Amino acid sequence: MGVLLWRGFDFDSVMAQCFGNYEDDCTKGKQMPVHFGSRKYHFHTISSPLATQIPQAAGVGFALKRDPARRGRNCAVVYFGEGAASEGDFHAGMLLASTVPSPTLFIARNNGFAISTPSSEQYHGDGIAARGPGYGMHTIRVDGNDVLAVLGAVREGRRLCIEEGRGVLIEAMTYRVGHHSTSDDSFAYRPRQEVEDRKRIDNPISRFRLFLESRGWWSAEDEERYKEQVKKQIMQAFKRGENLPRHELKEMFTDVYSGEEPWTITEQREELRTLLQKYGKSWEPWRSELKKYKGEGSEFMS
């Protein structure tokens, strides 16, 4: 999300995707929450299956290289964790980008845990960066909790990608202080004190804030004022997004296949039309549900 927000993706767009309302013009409410995407900001939709995005990114990099208008100007960037680097797709993407080659920037965020599996059980080598030279790739390892170091590493990686038209691997070393998800209790597999110590000693936000304060560019008052401002903006976007209707009901059948529509989709659409025309106005549960959609299913009721 940080990359998207930096590019201009606003809080209303974030909430549109999370609630699946009609302003979600990329996934149209068909994706899991927090699986953002944006054509406008050239950000491919996030996908939950591990590592599938890695060979896709290498392919995008190759497409950019083949396009005379974008060759030498753009590169593909892909983000993944050290757990995804244990998947076969990681090696497929690295191999493609190194042999074709394609300008693809591989950014591995090594936070120490693949859900509950510690990195010590993921590999016995020297992390993810050690794999780059095996593919003949420029490789950078960076302190992932140092904002300016990461900025410098990514800028250099991008420069190498574009100037040489080949893949570059960056490993950002960090630590996951939060749980993997709301269903995960990370204290079941790591000490609570370890997490609290890392929060206090090596927090990237605190480190960058202290740096700004040491230069006189930020203060505690600025911090509190900014937090209140952003909190207000988020809650306004939350309330607005929650109350907007979903896409028109017909959108559930679009963007599934390209080209000629298969008979299965046509059959399912007509089955829904028949059911809505029969029960849509008479059965209360359906009437209530249809009110959540833009147009309230009118395209099927007429």
Protein backbone atom coordinates (compact mmCIF):
# COMPACT_ATOMS: atom_id res chain seq x y z
CA MET A 1 0.00 0.00 0.00
CA GLY A 2 2.89 2.35 0.73
CA VAL A 3 3.99 2.36 -2.91
CA LEU A 4 0.46 3.14 -4.08
CA LEU A 5 -0.05 5.94 -1.54
CA TRP A 6 3.28 7.46 -2.58
CA ARG A 7 2.16 7.41 -6.22
CA GLY A 8 -1.11 9.19 -5.43
CA PHE A 9 -3.58 6.41 -4.59
CA ASP A 10 -5.90 8.15 -2.11
CA PHE A 11 -7.78 6.90 0.95
CA ASP A 12 -11.09 6.81 -0.94
CA SER A 13 -9.51 4.38 -3.42
CA VAL A 14 -8.18 2.26 -0.55
CA MET A 15 -11.64 2.01 0.99
CA ALA A 16 -13.29 1.36 -2.37
CA GLN A 17 -11.17 -1.76 -2.79
CA CYS A 18 -11.64 -2.92 0.81
CA PHE A 19 -15.43 -2.55 0.65
CA GLY A 20 -15.71 -3.56 -3.01
CA ASN A 21 -17.90 -0.57 -3.87
CA TYR A 22 -18.50 0.79 -7.37
CA GLU A 23 -15.51 3.15 -7.18
CA ASP A 24 -13.18 0.13 -7.21
CA ASP A 25 -12.55 0.38 -10.94
CA CYS A 26 -9.69 -2.12 -11.00
CA THR A 27 -10.99 -5.29 -9.34
CA LYS A 28 -14.70 -4.31 -9.30
CA GLY A 29 -15.25 -5.93 -5.93
CA LYS A 30 -13.96 -9.35 -7.02
CA GLN A 31 -10.76 -9.37 -4.97
CA MET A 32 -10.05 -9.98 -1.30
CA PRO A 33 -9.72 -6.81 0.82
CA VAL A 34 -6.29 -5.14 0.81
CA HIS A 35 -5.52 -6.67 -2.60
CA PHE A 36 -5.07 -3.34 -4.33
CA GLY A 37 -4.41 -2.60 -7.97
CA SER A 38 -4.42 0.47 -10.18
CA ARG A 39 -4.14 0.93 -13.93
CA LYS A 40 -3.58 4.64 -13.40
CA TYR A 41 -0.53 4.05 -11.20
CA HIS A 42 0.75 0.98 -13.10
CA PHE A 43 0.27 -1.34 -10.12
CA HIS A 44 -0.78 -4.91 -10.86
CA THR A 45 -3.46 -6.31 -8.56
CA ILE A 46 -2.06 -8.05 -5.48
CA SER A 47 -2.65 -11.80 -5.48
CA SER A 48 -2.57 -14.09 -2.43
CA PRO A 49 -0.94 -17.21 -3.95
CA LEU A 50 2.75 -17.13 -3.05
CA ALA A 51 5.29 -16.03 -5.65
CA THR A 52 3.03 -16.10 -8.73
CA GLN A 53 3.80 -12.42 -9.28
CA ILE A 54 7.54 -13.03 -9.66
CA PRO A 55 7.65 -14.68 -13.13
CA GLN A 56 4.83 -12.35 -14.20
CA ALA A 57 7.03 -9.36 -13.34
CA ALA A 58 9.93 -10.82 -15.32
CA GLY A 59 7.56 -11.11 -18.28
CA VAL A 60 6.46 -7.49 -17.88
CA GLY A 61 10.11 -6.46 -17.81
CA PHE A 62 10.70 -8.31 -21.07
CA ALA A 63 7.65 -6.62 -22.63
CA LEU A 64 9.03 -3.21 -21.59
CA LYS A 65 12.35 -4.08 -23.18
CA ARG A 66 10.65 -5.01 -26.46
CA ASP A 67 8.70 -1.74 -26.59
CA PRO A 68 10.83 0.95 -28.30
CA ALA A 69 8.88 3.70 -26.54
CA ARG A 70 9.67 2.30 -23.07
CA ARG A 71 12.99 0.53 -23.58
CA GLY A 72 15.67 2.21 -21.48
CA ARG A 73 13.05 4.25 -19.61
CA ASN A 74 11.05 1.81 -17.47
CA CYS A 75 11.51 -1.38 -15.49
CA ALA A 76 9.18 -3.83 -13.74
CA VAL A 77 9.30 -4.07 -9.93
CA VAL A 78 8.09 -7.02 -7.86
CA TYR A 79 7.81 -7.35 -4.07
CA PHE A 80 7.83 -10.60 -2.10
CA GLY A 81 8.91 -12.05 1.23
CA GLU A 82 11.62 -14.55 2.07
CA GLY A 83 8.93 -17.23 2.32
CA ALA A 84 7.87 -16.67 -1.30
CA ALA A 85 11.54 -16.99 -2.28
CA SER A 86 11.28 -20.66 -1.31
CA GLU A 87 8.74 -21.23 -4.09
CA GLY A 88 9.68 -22.48 -7.53
CA ASP A 89 8.20 -19.38 -9.15
CA PHE A 90 10.95 -17.30 -7.53
CA HIS A 91 13.60 -19.23 -9.43
CA ALA A 92 11.55 -19.21 -12.64
CA GLY A 93 11.30 -15.41 -12.51
CA MET A 94 14.96 -14.93 -11.64
CA LEU A 95 16.05 -17.29 -14.41
CA LEU A 96 13.90 -15.54 -17.01
CA ALA A 97 15.09 -12.06 -16.03
CA SER A 98 18.74 -13.11 -16.05
CA THR A 99 18.81 -15.09 -19.30
CA VAL A 100 16.44 -13.17 -21.59
CA PRO A 101 17.37 -10.73 -19.92
CA SER A 102 14.66 -8.32 -18.74
CA PRO A 103 14.80 -5.10 -16.67
CA THR A 104 13.09 -6.40 -13.54
CA LEU A 105 13.79 -5.23 -10.00
CA PHE A 106 13.22 -8.04 -7.48
CA ILE A 107 12.68 -6.66 -3.95
CA ALA A 108 12.71 -9.34 -1.24
CA ARG A 109 11.51 -8.20 2.18
CA ASN A 110 13.16 -10.56 4.64
CA ASN A 111 11.23 -10.02 7.88
CA GLY A 112 12.31 -13.25 9.54
CA PHE A 113 9.04 -15.18 9.35
CA ALA A 114 6.95 -16.83 6.63
CA ILE A 115 3.76 -16.71 8.71
CA SER A 116 5.03 -18.90 11.59
CA THR A 117 8.07 -20.44 9.90
CA PRO A 118 11.29 -18.65 10.92
CA SER A 119 13.87 -17.91 8.25
CA SER A 120 16.26 -20.34 9.97
CA GLU A 121 13.95 -23.13 8.78
CA GLN A 122 13.52 -21.61 5.31
CA TYR A 123 17.15 -21.80 4.20
CA HIS A 124 20.64 -22.61 5.46
CA GLY A 125 22.48 -20.22 3.15
CA ASP A 126 23.12 -16.51 3.55
CA GLY A 127 19.59 -15.25 3.04
CA ILE A 128 18.06 -14.34 -0.31
CA ALA A 129 20.83 -12.04 -1.52
CA ALA A 130 23.22 -14.98 -1.81
CA ARG A 131 21.09 -16.38 -4.64
CA GLY A 132 21.51 -13.36 -6.91
CA PRO A 133 25.10 -14.01 -8.04
CA GLY A 134 24.11 -17.54 -9.02
CA TYR A 135 21.86 -15.99 -11.65
CA GLY A 136 24.50 -13.46 -12.65
CA MET A 137 22.47 -10.62 -11.16
CA HIS A 138 23.58 -7.42 -9.51
CA THR A 139 22.54 -7.90 -5.88
CA ILE A 140 22.10 -5.43 -3.02
CA ARG A 141 21.42 -6.20 0.64
CA VAL A 142 20.14 -3.27 2.67
CA ASP A 143 18.94 -2.44 6.17
CA GLY A 144 15.20 -2.53 5.53
CA ASN A 145 14.52 -0.44 8.63
CA ASP A 146 16.61 2.48 7.35
CA VAL A 147 14.31 4.54 5.12
CA LEU A 148 17.09 6.47 3.39
CA ALA A 149 19.22 3.36 2.87
CA VAL A 150 16.28 1.61 1.19
CA LEU A 151 15.65 4.67 -0.97
CA GLY A 152 19.29 4.70 -2.08
CA ALA A 153 19.34 0.95 -2.76
CA VAL A 154 16.16 1.04 -4.83
CA ARG A 155 17.34 4.05 -6.84
CA GLU A 156 20.60 2.27 -7.64
CA GLY A 157 18.79 -0.97 -8.45
CA ARG A 158 16.44 0.85 -10.80
CA ARG A 159 19.35 2.61 -12.50
CA LEU A 160 21.11 -0.70 -13.15
CA CYS A 161 17.88 -2.30 -14.40
CA ILE A 162 17.21 0.43 -16.93
CA GLU A 163 20.75 1.17 -18.07
CA GLU A 164 21.75 -2.49 -18.47
CA GLY A 165 18.31 -3.90 -19.32
CA ARG A 166 18.65 -6.78 -16.87
CA GLY A 167 17.35 -8.03 -13.54
CA VAL A 168 18.54 -6.78 -10.14
CA LEU A 169 17.88 -8.37 -6.73
CA ILE A 170 17.49 -6.35 -3.53
CA GLU A 171 17.11 -7.97 -0.11
CA ALA A 172 15.77 -5.64 2.59
CA MET A 173 16.49 -7.02 6.06
CA THR A 174 13.76 -6.21 8.57
CA TYR A 175 11.63 -7.77 11.33
CA ARG A 176 7.89 -8.34 11.41
CA VAL A 177 6.68 -6.84 14.68
CA GLY A 178 3.00 -7.49 13.94
CA HIS A 179 1.07 -10.72 13.57
CA HIS A 180 0.87 -12.19 10.07
CA SER A 181 -2.90 -11.67 10.00
CA THR A 182 -5.86 -11.26 12.34
CA SER A 183 -6.05 -15.06 12.62
CA ASP A 184 -2.38 -15.37 13.62
CA ASP A 185 -1.06 -15.26 17.19
CA SER A 186 2.67 -14.81 16.64
CA PHE A 187 3.40 -15.09 20.37
CA ALA A 188 2.72 -18.80 20.01
CA TYR A 189 6.00 -19.18 18.10
CA ARG A 190 8.18 -16.29 19.29
CA PRO A 191 8.73 -14.51 22.62
CA ARG A 192 6.64 -11.43 23.29
CA GLN A 193 9.69 -9.67 24.74
CA GLU A 194 11.61 -10.18 21.50
CA VAL A 195 8.87 -8.37 19.59
CA GLU A 196 8.68 -5.52 22.11
CA ASP A 197 12.45 -5.08 22.01
CA ARG A 198 12.49 -4.84 18.22
CA LYS A 199 9.62 -2.35 18.28
CA ARG A 200 11.55 -0.16 20.67
CA ILE A 201 15.12 -0.51 19.39
CA ASP A 202 14.81 -0.91 15.62
CA ASN A 203 11.55 0.73 14.59
CA PRO A 204 11.96 2.25 11.09
CA ILE A 205 9.33 4.94 11.72
CA SER A 206 10.96 6.02 14.98
CA ARG A 207 14.41 5.97 13.41
CA PHE A 208 13.35 8.20 10.54
CA ARG A 209 11.43 10.52 12.87
CA LEU A 210 14.51 10.95 15.07
CA PHE A 211 16.59 11.69 11.98
CA LEU A 212 14.16 14.40 10.85
CA GLU A 213 14.03 15.87 14.36
CA SER A 214 17.83 15.97 14.55
CA ARG A 215 17.83 18.11 11.41
CA GLY A 216 15.10 20.40 12.73
CA TRP A 217 12.69 19.27 9.99
CA TRP A 218 10.11 17.65 12.31
CA SER A 219 8.88 17.90 15.89
CA ALA A 220 6.64 16.12 18.37
CA GLU A 221 3.99 18.77 17.69
CA ASP A 222 4.21 18.12 13.94
CA GLU A 223 3.87 14.40 14.64
CA GLU A 224 0.68 14.73 16.69
CA ARG A 225 -0.85 17.23 14.29
CA TYR A 226 -0.13 14.98 11.31
CA LYS A 227 -1.51 11.88 13.06
CA GLU A 228 -4.77 13.66 13.85
CA GLN A 229 -5.05 14.96 10.30
CA VAL A 230 -4.49 11.54 8.73
CA LYS A 231 -6.77 9.77 11.22
CA LYS A 232 -9.57 12.18 10.33
CA GLN A 233 -9.03 11.63 6.60
CA ILE A 234 -9.04 7.84 7.03
CA MET A 235 -12.26 7.82 9.06
CA GLN A 236 -13.98 10.10 6.54
CA ALA A 237 -12.95 7.78 3.71
CA PHE A 238 -14.04 4.75 5.76
CA LYS A 239 -17.54 6.09 6.38
CA ARG A 240 -17.93 7.21 2.78
CA GLY A 241 -16.70 3.91 1.31
CA GLU A 242 -18.87 1.85 3.65
CA ASN A 243 -22.03 3.58 2.44
CA LEU A 244 -21.39 3.47 -1.31
CA PRO A 245 -23.15 0.71 -3.29
CA ARG A 246 -21.33 -2.15 -4.94
CA HIS A 247 -20.87 -2.40 -8.70
CA GLU A 248 -23.86 -3.32 -10.83
CA LEU A 249 -24.75 -6.97 -10.39
CA LYS A 250 -23.90 -7.75 -14.02
CA GLU A 251 -20.23 -7.04 -13.31
CA MET A 252 -19.84 -10.40 -11.61
CA PHE A 253 -19.84 -11.95 -15.09
CA THR A 254 -17.42 -9.53 -16.75
CA ASP A 255 -13.60 -9.61 -16.90
CA VAL A 256 -13.55 -13.36 -16.32
CA TYR A 257 -12.55 -14.40 -19.83
CA SER A 258 -11.26 -12.39 -22.78
CA GLY A 259 -12.61 -12.86 -26.27
CA GLU A 260 -15.75 -14.87 -26.85
CA GLU A 261 -17.76 -15.53 -23.71
CA PRO A 262 -17.97 -19.26 -22.86
CA TRP A 263 -21.38 -20.89 -22.63
CA THR A 264 -20.95 -21.50 -18.90
CA ILE A 265 -20.92 -17.77 -18.12
CA THR A 266 -23.88 -17.11 -20.42
CA GLU A 267 -25.83 -19.92 -18.77
CA GLN A 268 -25.07 -18.65 -15.25
CA ARG A 269 -26.13 -15.11 -16.14
CA GLU A 270 -29.44 -16.30 -17.56
CA GLU A 271 -30.06 -18.51 -14.55
CA LEU A 272 -29.56 -15.51 -12.26
CA ARG A 273 -31.87 -13.42 -14.45
CA THR A 274 -34.61 -16.06 -14.17
CA LEU A 275 -34.30 -16.29 -10.39
CA LEU A 276 -34.28 -12.51 -9.88
CA GLN A 277 -37.31 -11.98 -12.09
CA LYS A 278 -39.14 -14.64 -10.11
CA TYR A 279 -38.05 -13.82 -6.55
CA GLY A 280 -36.14 -10.52 -6.63
CA LYS A 281 -39.12 -8.33 -5.75
CA SER A 282 -41.05 -10.73 -3.56
CA TRP A 283 -38.50 -12.36 -1.25
CA GLU A 284 -37.29 -9.98 1.46
CA PRO A 285 -33.72 -11.38 1.84
CA TRP A 286 -33.13 -10.83 -1.88
CA ARG A 287 -34.72 -7.36 -1.85
CA SER A 288 -32.43 -6.34 1.00
CA GLU A 289 -29.34 -7.76 -0.70
CA LEU A 290 -30.09 -6.12 -4.06
CA LYS A 291 -30.19 -2.69 -2.40
CA LYS A 292 -26.44 -3.03 -1.82
CA TYR A 293 -25.77 -2.96 -5.58
CA LYS A 294 -25.75 0.03 -7.89
CA GLY A 295 -29.00 -0.14 -9.84
CA GLU A 296 -30.35 -2.74 -7.38
CA GLY A 297 -30.15 -5.46 -10.04
CA SER A 298 -32.48 -3.60 -12.41
CA GLU A 299 -30.51 -4.85 -15.43
CA PHE A 300 -31.80 -8.36 -14.61
CA MET A 301 -35.30 -7.44 -13.47
CA SER A 302 -36.61 -5.81 -16.64
